[in-house]
Amino acid sequence: MMHKFYASGFIYDSSTQQILLQHITPKDLSSSPWTLLGRTCSSEKTAEEAFKKTVLKLLGVKPKNVFSIYTYLDSETHETKIVFYVELRKSKKFPDNRVSSFSWFTLKQISRLKLADQTKQDITVGQRVIDSAIRKSLGQQTLE
């Protein structure tokens, strides 16, 4: 039996400190929150490969560096979820399609968006991982 997992994450623009999120277009627009990019997988060898494939399929971008944020077991779905981020040096506009639209947000803007609680948690932890990587690159002490 093949192991199923959910690989998700976001694109981070280090020059503007913005995060790219996805808005899946449902029949009822008012009920749809912004989400991370992701999907349930079982065919890829690793979650990182699955996330790279998702980014390529949704955005047409082949990510070079994928950074792990964390892994957890979803208590509701009992599914292993692995969260990543991809860093871009310069944000670009990604075209909407018939299923999704994409927008860049600052952390301040994200705090005002309609998001699922878990998505908020994933972004918060992701920002801490990014901040720690920045401090480490500057030679500052980090918690590890």
N, C-alpha and C. Protein backbone atom coordinates (compact mmCIF):
# COMPACT_ATOMS: atom_id res chain seq x y z
N MET A 1 0.83 -1.19 0.00
CA MET A 1 0.00 0.00 0.00
C MET A 1 0.87 1.25 0.00
N MET A 2 0.53 2.20 -0.83
CA MET A 2 1.29 3.43 -0.94
C MET A 2 0.85 4.43 0.12
N HIS A 3 1.80 5.14 0.70
CA HIS A 3 1.52 6.13 1.74
C HIS A 3 0.97 7.41 1.11
N LYS A 4 -0.18 7.88 1.60
CA LYS A 4 -0.75 9.14 1.12
C LYS A 4 -0.36 10.26 2.08
N PHE A 5 -0.13 11.42 1.52
CA PHE A 5 0.20 12.59 2.32
C PHE A 5 -0.28 13.83 1.58
N TYR A 6 -0.28 14.96 2.28
CA TYR A 6 -0.67 16.23 1.69
C TYR A 6 0.54 17.15 1.71
N ALA A 7 1.01 17.54 0.53
CA ALA A 7 2.16 18.45 0.42
C ALA A 7 1.64 19.83 0.07
N SER A 8 1.99 20.83 0.86
CA SER A 8 1.50 22.18 0.61
C SER A 8 2.55 23.20 0.97
N GLY A 9 2.25 24.45 0.65
CA GLY A 9 3.17 25.52 1.00
C GLY A 9 2.84 26.79 0.25
N PHE A 10 3.81 27.70 0.26
CA PHE A 10 3.60 28.99 -0.38
C PHE A 10 4.89 29.45 -1.05
N ILE A 11 4.74 30.46 -1.90
CA ILE A 11 5.88 31.10 -2.55
C ILE A 11 6.17 32.36 -1.76
N TYR A 12 7.46 32.60 -1.47
CA TYR A 12 7.86 33.76 -0.67
C TYR A 12 8.75 34.65 -1.52
N ASP A 13 8.40 35.93 -1.62
CA ASP A 13 9.22 36.91 -2.33
C ASP A 13 10.08 37.62 -1.29
N SER A 14 11.37 37.31 -1.30
CA SER A 14 12.27 37.88 -0.29
C SER A 14 12.48 39.38 -0.48
N SER A 15 12.30 39.91 -1.69
CA SER A 15 12.54 41.34 -1.91
C SER A 15 11.41 42.20 -1.34
N THR A 16 10.18 41.68 -1.35
CA THR A 16 9.04 42.45 -0.84
C THR A 16 8.47 41.87 0.45
N GLN A 17 8.98 40.72 0.85
CA GLN A 17 8.50 39.98 2.02
C GLN A 17 7.00 39.70 1.91
N GLN A 18 6.61 39.24 0.73
CA GLN A 18 5.22 38.89 0.47
C GLN A 18 5.09 37.39 0.22
N ILE A 19 3.89 36.88 0.46
CA ILE A 19 3.60 35.47 0.28
C ILE A 19 2.51 35.33 -0.77
N LEU A 20 2.70 34.38 -1.68
CA LEU A 20 1.69 34.12 -2.71
C LEU A 20 0.72 33.06 -2.19
N LEU A 21 -0.56 33.40 -2.24
CA LEU A 21 -1.61 32.48 -1.83
C LEU A 21 -2.56 32.23 -2.99
N GLN A 22 -3.33 31.17 -2.86
CA GLN A 22 -4.26 30.74 -3.89
C GLN A 22 -5.69 30.89 -3.39
N HIS A 23 -6.55 31.34 -4.27
CA HIS A 23 -7.97 31.42 -3.96
C HIS A 23 -8.68 30.49 -4.94
N ILE A 24 -9.20 29.39 -4.44
CA ILE A 24 -9.89 28.44 -5.29
C ILE A 24 -11.31 28.95 -5.50
N THR A 25 -11.71 29.03 -6.74
CA THR A 25 -12.99 29.61 -7.10
C THR A 25 -14.12 28.57 -6.96
N PRO A 26 -14.92 28.72 -5.92
CA PRO A 26 -16.06 27.82 -5.75
C PRO A 26 -17.31 28.43 -6.40
N LYS A 27 -18.39 27.70 -6.34
CA LYS A 27 -19.66 28.23 -6.85
C LYS A 27 -20.11 29.43 -6.01
N ASP A 28 -19.88 29.36 -4.69
CA ASP A 28 -20.24 30.44 -3.79
C ASP A 28 -18.96 31.18 -3.39
N LEU A 29 -18.67 32.31 -4.03
CA LEU A 29 -17.41 33.03 -3.82
C LEU A 29 -17.21 33.48 -2.38
N SER A 30 -18.29 33.76 -1.66
CA SER A 30 -18.17 34.27 -0.30
C SER A 30 -17.67 33.22 0.69
N SER A 31 -17.76 31.95 0.34
CA SER A 31 -17.38 30.90 1.29
C SER A 31 -15.95 30.41 1.13
N SER A 32 -15.25 30.91 0.17
CA SER A 32 -13.93 30.38 -0.13
C SER A 32 -12.80 31.17 0.55
N PRO A 33 -12.02 30.51 1.38
CA PRO A 33 -10.87 31.19 1.98
C PRO A 33 -9.65 31.12 1.04
N TRP A 34 -8.67 31.96 1.32
CA TRP A 34 -7.39 31.85 0.63
C TRP A 34 -6.68 30.64 1.21
N THR A 35 -5.89 29.96 0.38
CA THR A 35 -5.22 28.74 0.80
C THR A 35 -3.76 28.72 0.36
N LEU A 36 -3.04 27.75 0.92
CA LEU A 36 -1.70 27.45 0.44
C LEU A 36 -1.83 26.66 -0.86
N LEU A 37 -0.74 26.55 -1.59
CA LEU A 37 -0.71 25.70 -2.78
C LEU A 37 -0.50 24.28 -2.27
N GLY A 38 -1.24 23.31 -2.78
CA GLY A 38 -1.01 21.96 -2.30
C GLY A 38 -1.98 20.95 -2.85
N ARG A 39 -1.68 19.68 -2.55
CA ARG A 39 -2.55 18.59 -2.98
C ARG A 39 -2.19 17.31 -2.25
N THR A 40 -3.16 16.40 -2.22
CA THR A 40 -2.93 15.07 -1.66
C THR A 40 -2.19 14.25 -2.70
N CYS A 41 -1.20 13.50 -2.24
CA CYS A 41 -0.34 12.75 -3.15
C CYS A 41 -0.07 11.35 -2.61
N SER A 42 0.26 10.47 -3.52
CA SER A 42 0.75 9.16 -3.12
C SER A 42 1.72 8.61 -4.15
N SER A 43 1.78 9.22 -5.32
CA SER A 43 2.61 8.67 -6.39
C SER A 43 4.06 9.16 -6.37
N GLU A 44 4.31 10.35 -5.86
CA GLU A 44 5.66 10.87 -5.83
C GLU A 44 6.48 10.17 -4.74
N LYS A 45 7.78 10.13 -4.93
CA LYS A 45 8.66 9.50 -3.96
C LYS A 45 8.76 10.29 -2.67
N THR A 46 8.78 11.62 -2.79
CA THR A 46 8.90 12.46 -1.61
C THR A 46 7.87 13.58 -1.65
N ALA A 47 7.60 14.15 -0.49
CA ALA A 47 6.69 15.29 -0.39
C ALA A 47 7.27 16.50 -1.12
N GLU A 48 8.59 16.66 -1.07
CA GLU A 48 9.23 17.78 -1.76
C GLU A 48 8.98 17.68 -3.27
N GLU A 49 9.13 16.48 -3.83
CA GLU A 49 8.84 16.29 -5.25
C GLU A 49 7.38 16.63 -5.56
N ALA A 50 6.48 16.22 -4.68
CA ALA A 50 5.05 16.49 -4.87
C ALA A 50 4.78 18.00 -4.86
N PHE A 51 5.42 18.73 -3.93
CA PHE A 51 5.21 20.17 -3.87
C PHE A 51 5.79 20.85 -5.11
N LYS A 52 6.98 20.43 -5.54
CA LYS A 52 7.57 20.99 -6.76
C LYS A 52 6.63 20.78 -7.96
N LYS A 53 6.06 19.60 -8.05
CA LYS A 53 5.14 19.29 -9.15
C LYS A 53 3.89 20.16 -9.08
N THR A 54 3.39 20.41 -7.87
CA THR A 54 2.22 21.27 -7.68
C THR A 54 2.51 22.69 -8.13
N VAL A 55 3.66 23.23 -7.72
CA VAL A 55 4.05 24.60 -8.11
C VAL A 55 4.21 24.69 -9.63
N LEU A 56 4.83 23.69 -10.22
CA LEU A 56 5.01 23.69 -11.67
C LEU A 56 3.65 23.65 -12.38
N LYS A 57 2.77 22.79 -11.91
CA LYS A 57 1.46 22.65 -12.55
C LYS A 57 0.60 23.90 -12.39
N LEU A 58 0.57 24.48 -11.18
CA LEU A 58 -0.28 25.64 -10.92
C LEU A 58 0.28 26.94 -11.48
N LEU A 59 1.61 27.11 -11.39
CA LEU A 59 2.19 28.42 -11.71
C LEU A 59 3.13 28.42 -12.92
N GLY A 60 3.51 27.23 -13.40
CA GLY A 60 4.45 27.17 -14.51
C GLY A 60 5.87 27.50 -14.10
N VAL A 61 6.16 27.41 -12.80
CA VAL A 61 7.49 27.72 -12.27
C VAL A 61 8.12 26.41 -11.79
N LYS A 62 9.35 26.16 -12.23
CA LYS A 62 10.07 24.98 -11.75
C LYS A 62 10.96 25.42 -10.59
N PRO A 63 10.53 25.13 -9.35
CA PRO A 63 11.29 25.61 -8.19
C PRO A 63 12.64 24.91 -8.06
N LYS A 64 13.67 25.73 -7.80
CA LYS A 64 15.01 25.17 -7.59
C LYS A 64 15.19 24.76 -6.14
N ASN A 65 14.89 25.67 -5.25
CA ASN A 65 15.09 25.41 -3.82
C ASN A 65 13.75 25.38 -3.10
N VAL A 66 13.47 24.24 -2.50
CA VAL A 66 12.27 24.08 -1.70
C VAL A 66 12.73 23.91 -0.26
N PHE A 67 12.17 24.71 0.64
CA PHE A 67 12.56 24.68 2.05
C PHE A 67 11.44 24.10 2.88
N SER A 68 11.80 23.18 3.74
CA SER A 68 10.81 22.54 4.61
C SER A 68 10.45 23.46 5.77
N ILE A 69 9.17 23.51 6.11
CA ILE A 69 8.71 24.28 7.26
C ILE A 69 8.45 23.33 8.42
N TYR A 70 7.51 22.39 8.23
CA TYR A 70 7.26 21.39 9.25
C TYR A 70 6.31 20.32 8.74
N THR A 71 6.20 19.26 9.52
CA THR A 71 5.32 18.13 9.21
C THR A 71 4.44 17.88 10.42
N TYR A 72 3.17 17.56 10.18
CA TYR A 72 2.28 17.26 11.29
C TYR A 72 1.21 16.28 10.83
N LEU A 73 0.54 15.67 11.78
CA LEU A 73 -0.57 14.78 11.49
C LEU A 73 -1.86 15.55 11.73
N ASP A 74 -2.67 15.68 10.70
CA ASP A 74 -3.94 16.40 10.82
C ASP A 74 -4.89 15.55 11.66
N SER A 75 -5.36 16.12 12.76
CA SER A 75 -6.20 15.37 13.70
C SER A 75 -7.59 15.07 13.13
N GLU A 76 -8.04 15.87 12.16
CA GLU A 76 -9.36 15.63 11.57
C GLU A 76 -9.32 14.60 10.46
N THR A 77 -8.34 14.73 9.55
CA THR A 77 -8.28 13.84 8.38
C THR A 77 -7.35 12.64 8.61
N HIS A 78 -6.55 12.70 9.67
CA HIS A 78 -5.55 11.66 9.96
C HIS A 78 -4.55 11.51 8.81
N GLU A 79 -4.32 12.60 8.12
CA GLU A 79 -3.41 12.63 6.98
C GLU A 79 -2.12 13.35 7.40
N THR A 80 -0.98 12.84 6.96
CA THR A 80 0.29 13.51 7.20
C THR A 80 0.35 14.72 6.28
N LYS A 81 0.66 15.88 6.86
CA LYS A 81 0.76 17.10 6.07
C LYS A 81 2.18 17.65 6.21
N ILE A 82 2.75 17.97 5.07
CA ILE A 82 4.11 18.50 5.02
C ILE A 82 4.04 19.87 4.35
N VAL A 83 4.60 20.88 5.02
CA VAL A 83 4.49 22.26 4.54
C VAL A 83 5.88 22.77 4.13
N PHE A 84 5.93 23.43 2.97
CA PHE A 84 7.17 23.95 2.39
C PHE A 84 7.00 25.41 1.98
N TYR A 85 8.15 26.02 1.63
CA TYR A 85 8.08 27.29 0.92
C TYR A 85 9.16 27.32 -0.13
N VAL A 86 8.89 28.08 -1.18
CA VAL A 86 9.84 28.31 -2.26
C VAL A 86 10.13 29.80 -2.25
N GLU A 87 11.40 30.15 -2.31
CA GLU A 87 11.76 31.58 -2.30
C GLU A 87 12.03 32.07 -3.71
N LEU A 88 11.38 33.17 -4.06
CA LEU A 88 11.66 33.88 -5.31
C LEU A 88 12.33 35.19 -4.96
N ARG A 89 13.22 35.64 -5.80
CA ARG A 89 13.91 36.91 -5.55
C ARG A 89 13.09 38.10 -6.03
N LYS A 90 12.15 37.85 -6.92
CA LYS A 90 11.33 38.95 -7.45
C LYS A 90 9.96 38.38 -7.77
N SER A 91 8.93 38.99 -7.20
CA SER A 91 7.59 38.48 -7.43
C SER A 91 7.15 38.77 -8.86
N LYS A 92 6.29 37.92 -9.35
CA LYS A 92 5.71 38.13 -10.66
C LYS A 92 4.23 37.83 -10.56
N LYS A 93 3.48 38.34 -11.49
CA LYS A 93 2.04 38.11 -11.52
C LYS A 93 1.81 36.74 -12.16
N PHE A 94 1.02 35.94 -11.48
CA PHE A 94 0.67 34.64 -12.03
C PHE A 94 -0.76 34.72 -12.53
N PRO A 95 -0.99 34.24 -13.75
CA PRO A 95 -2.34 34.36 -14.32
C PRO A 95 -3.35 33.46 -13.60
N ASP A 96 -4.55 34.00 -13.45
CA ASP A 96 -5.64 33.21 -12.89
C ASP A 96 -6.05 32.17 -13.93
N ASN A 97 -6.65 31.10 -13.45
CA ASN A 97 -7.22 30.11 -14.36
C ASN A 97 -8.67 29.88 -13.97
N ARG A 98 -9.33 28.94 -14.58
CA ARG A 98 -10.76 28.76 -14.32
C ARG A 98 -11.04 28.20 -12.93
N VAL A 99 -10.02 27.69 -12.26
CA VAL A 99 -10.19 27.09 -10.93
C VAL A 99 -9.63 27.97 -9.81
N SER A 100 -8.55 28.68 -10.08
CA SER A 100 -7.85 29.43 -9.02
C SER A 100 -7.42 30.81 -9.47
N SER A 101 -7.27 31.70 -8.47
CA SER A 101 -6.60 32.97 -8.69
C SER A 101 -5.47 33.06 -7.67
N PHE A 102 -4.47 33.87 -7.98
CA PHE A 102 -3.28 33.96 -7.14
C PHE A 102 -2.99 35.42 -6.84
N SER A 103 -2.60 35.70 -5.58
CA SER A 103 -2.25 37.07 -5.20
C SER A 103 -1.14 37.06 -4.17
N TRP A 104 -0.36 38.14 -4.19
CA TRP A 104 0.71 38.35 -3.22
C TRP A 104 0.17 39.16 -2.05
N PHE A 105 0.59 38.79 -0.83
CA PHE A 105 0.14 39.48 0.37
C PHE A 105 1.30 39.68 1.34
N THR A 106 1.30 40.84 2.01
CA THR A 106 2.22 41.05 3.12
C THR A 106 1.65 40.33 4.34
N LEU A 107 2.45 40.16 5.37
CA LEU A 107 1.95 39.52 6.58
C LEU A 107 0.82 40.32 7.21
N LYS A 108 0.91 41.65 7.14
CA LYS A 108 -0.15 42.49 7.69
C LYS A 108 -1.46 42.25 6.93
N GLN A 109 -1.39 42.15 5.61
CA GLN A 109 -2.58 41.88 4.81
C GLN A 109 -3.13 40.48 5.10
N ILE A 110 -2.24 39.52 5.27
CA ILE A 110 -2.65 38.14 5.53
C ILE A 110 -3.46 38.06 6.82
N SER A 111 -3.09 38.87 7.82
CA SER A 111 -3.81 38.82 9.10
C SER A 111 -5.28 39.23 8.95
N ARG A 112 -5.61 39.93 7.86
CA ARG A 112 -6.99 40.38 7.64
C ARG A 112 -7.77 39.50 6.65
N LEU A 113 -7.09 38.50 6.08
CA LEU A 113 -7.74 37.64 5.09
C LEU A 113 -8.60 36.56 5.74
N LYS A 114 -9.54 36.08 4.97
CA LYS A 114 -10.32 34.92 5.39
C LYS A 114 -9.45 33.69 5.13
N LEU A 115 -8.99 33.07 6.23
CA LEU A 115 -8.12 31.89 6.14
C LEU A 115 -8.61 30.84 7.13
N ALA A 116 -8.40 29.58 6.77
CA ALA A 116 -8.65 28.51 7.73
C ALA A 116 -7.63 28.64 8.86
N ASP A 117 -7.99 28.22 10.07
CA ASP A 117 -7.07 28.30 11.20
C ASP A 117 -5.75 27.59 10.92
N GLN A 118 -5.81 26.43 10.28
CA GLN A 118 -4.58 25.70 9.99
C GLN A 118 -3.70 26.44 8.99
N THR A 119 -4.31 27.10 8.02
CA THR A 119 -3.55 27.89 7.06
C THR A 119 -2.83 29.03 7.78
N LYS A 120 -3.52 29.70 8.71
CA LYS A 120 -2.88 30.76 9.51
C LYS A 120 -1.68 30.20 10.27
N GLN A 121 -1.87 29.02 10.87
CA GLN A 121 -0.79 28.37 11.62
C GLN A 121 0.38 28.05 10.70
N ASP A 122 0.12 27.49 9.53
CA ASP A 122 1.18 27.13 8.59
C ASP A 122 1.97 28.37 8.16
N ILE A 123 1.28 29.47 7.90
CA ILE A 123 1.95 30.71 7.49
C ILE A 123 2.77 31.28 8.65
N THR A 124 2.22 31.26 9.87
CA THR A 124 2.93 31.77 11.04
C THR A 124 4.23 30.98 11.28
N VAL A 125 4.13 29.67 11.24
CA VAL A 125 5.32 28.84 11.43
C VAL A 125 6.30 29.07 10.27
N GLY A 126 5.76 29.18 9.05
CA GLY A 126 6.61 29.45 7.89
C GLY A 126 7.38 30.75 8.04
N GLN A 127 6.71 31.79 8.52
CA GLN A 127 7.38 33.08 8.71
C GLN A 127 8.48 32.98 9.75
N ARG A 128 8.25 32.20 10.79
CA ARG A 128 9.30 32.00 11.81
C ARG A 128 10.50 31.27 11.22
N VAL A 129 10.27 30.29 10.38
CA VAL A 129 11.36 29.56 9.73
C VAL A 129 12.14 30.50 8.81
N ILE A 130 11.43 31.33 8.05
CA ILE A 130 12.08 32.30 7.16
C ILE A 130 12.89 33.31 7.97
N ASP A 131 12.30 33.86 9.04
CA ASP A 131 13.01 34.82 9.88
C ASP A 131 14.27 34.21 10.48
N SER A 132 14.19 32.95 10.91
CA SER A 132 15.35 32.26 11.47
C SER A 132 16.45 32.08 10.42
N ALA A 133 16.06 31.74 9.19
CA ALA A 133 17.03 31.58 8.11
C ALA A 133 17.72 32.91 7.80
N ILE A 134 16.96 34.00 7.85
CA ILE A 134 17.54 35.33 7.60
C ILE A 134 18.55 35.67 8.70
N ARG A 135 18.15 35.45 9.97
CA ARG A 135 19.07 35.73 11.08
C ARG A 135 20.34 34.88 10.97
N LYS A 136 20.18 33.64 10.61
CA LYS A 136 21.34 32.74 10.47
C LYS A 136 22.26 33.23 9.36
N SER A 137 21.70 33.68 8.23
CA SER A 137 22.52 34.16 7.12
C SER A 137 23.27 35.44 7.49
N LEU A 138 22.74 36.18 8.46
CA LEU A 138 23.40 37.41 8.92
C LEU A 138 24.38 37.14 10.07
N GLY A 139 24.52 35.86 10.43
CA GLY A 139 25.44 35.51 11.51
C GLY A 139 24.88 35.71 12.90
N GLN A 140 23.56 35.92 12.99
CA GLN A 140 22.93 36.12 14.28
C GLN A 140 22.52 34.77 14.86
N GLN A 141 22.35 34.76 16.17
CA GLN A 141 21.97 33.54 16.85
C GLN A 141 20.52 33.17 16.55
N THR A 142 20.29 31.86 16.37
CA THR A 142 18.94 31.36 16.13
C THR A 142 18.67 30.22 17.09
N LEU A 143 17.41 29.94 17.29
CA LEU A 143 17.02 28.80 18.12
C LEU A 143 16.94 27.57 17.23
N GLU A 144 17.74 26.56 17.51
CA GLU A 144 17.70 25.33 16.72
C GLU A 144 17.74 24.15 17.62
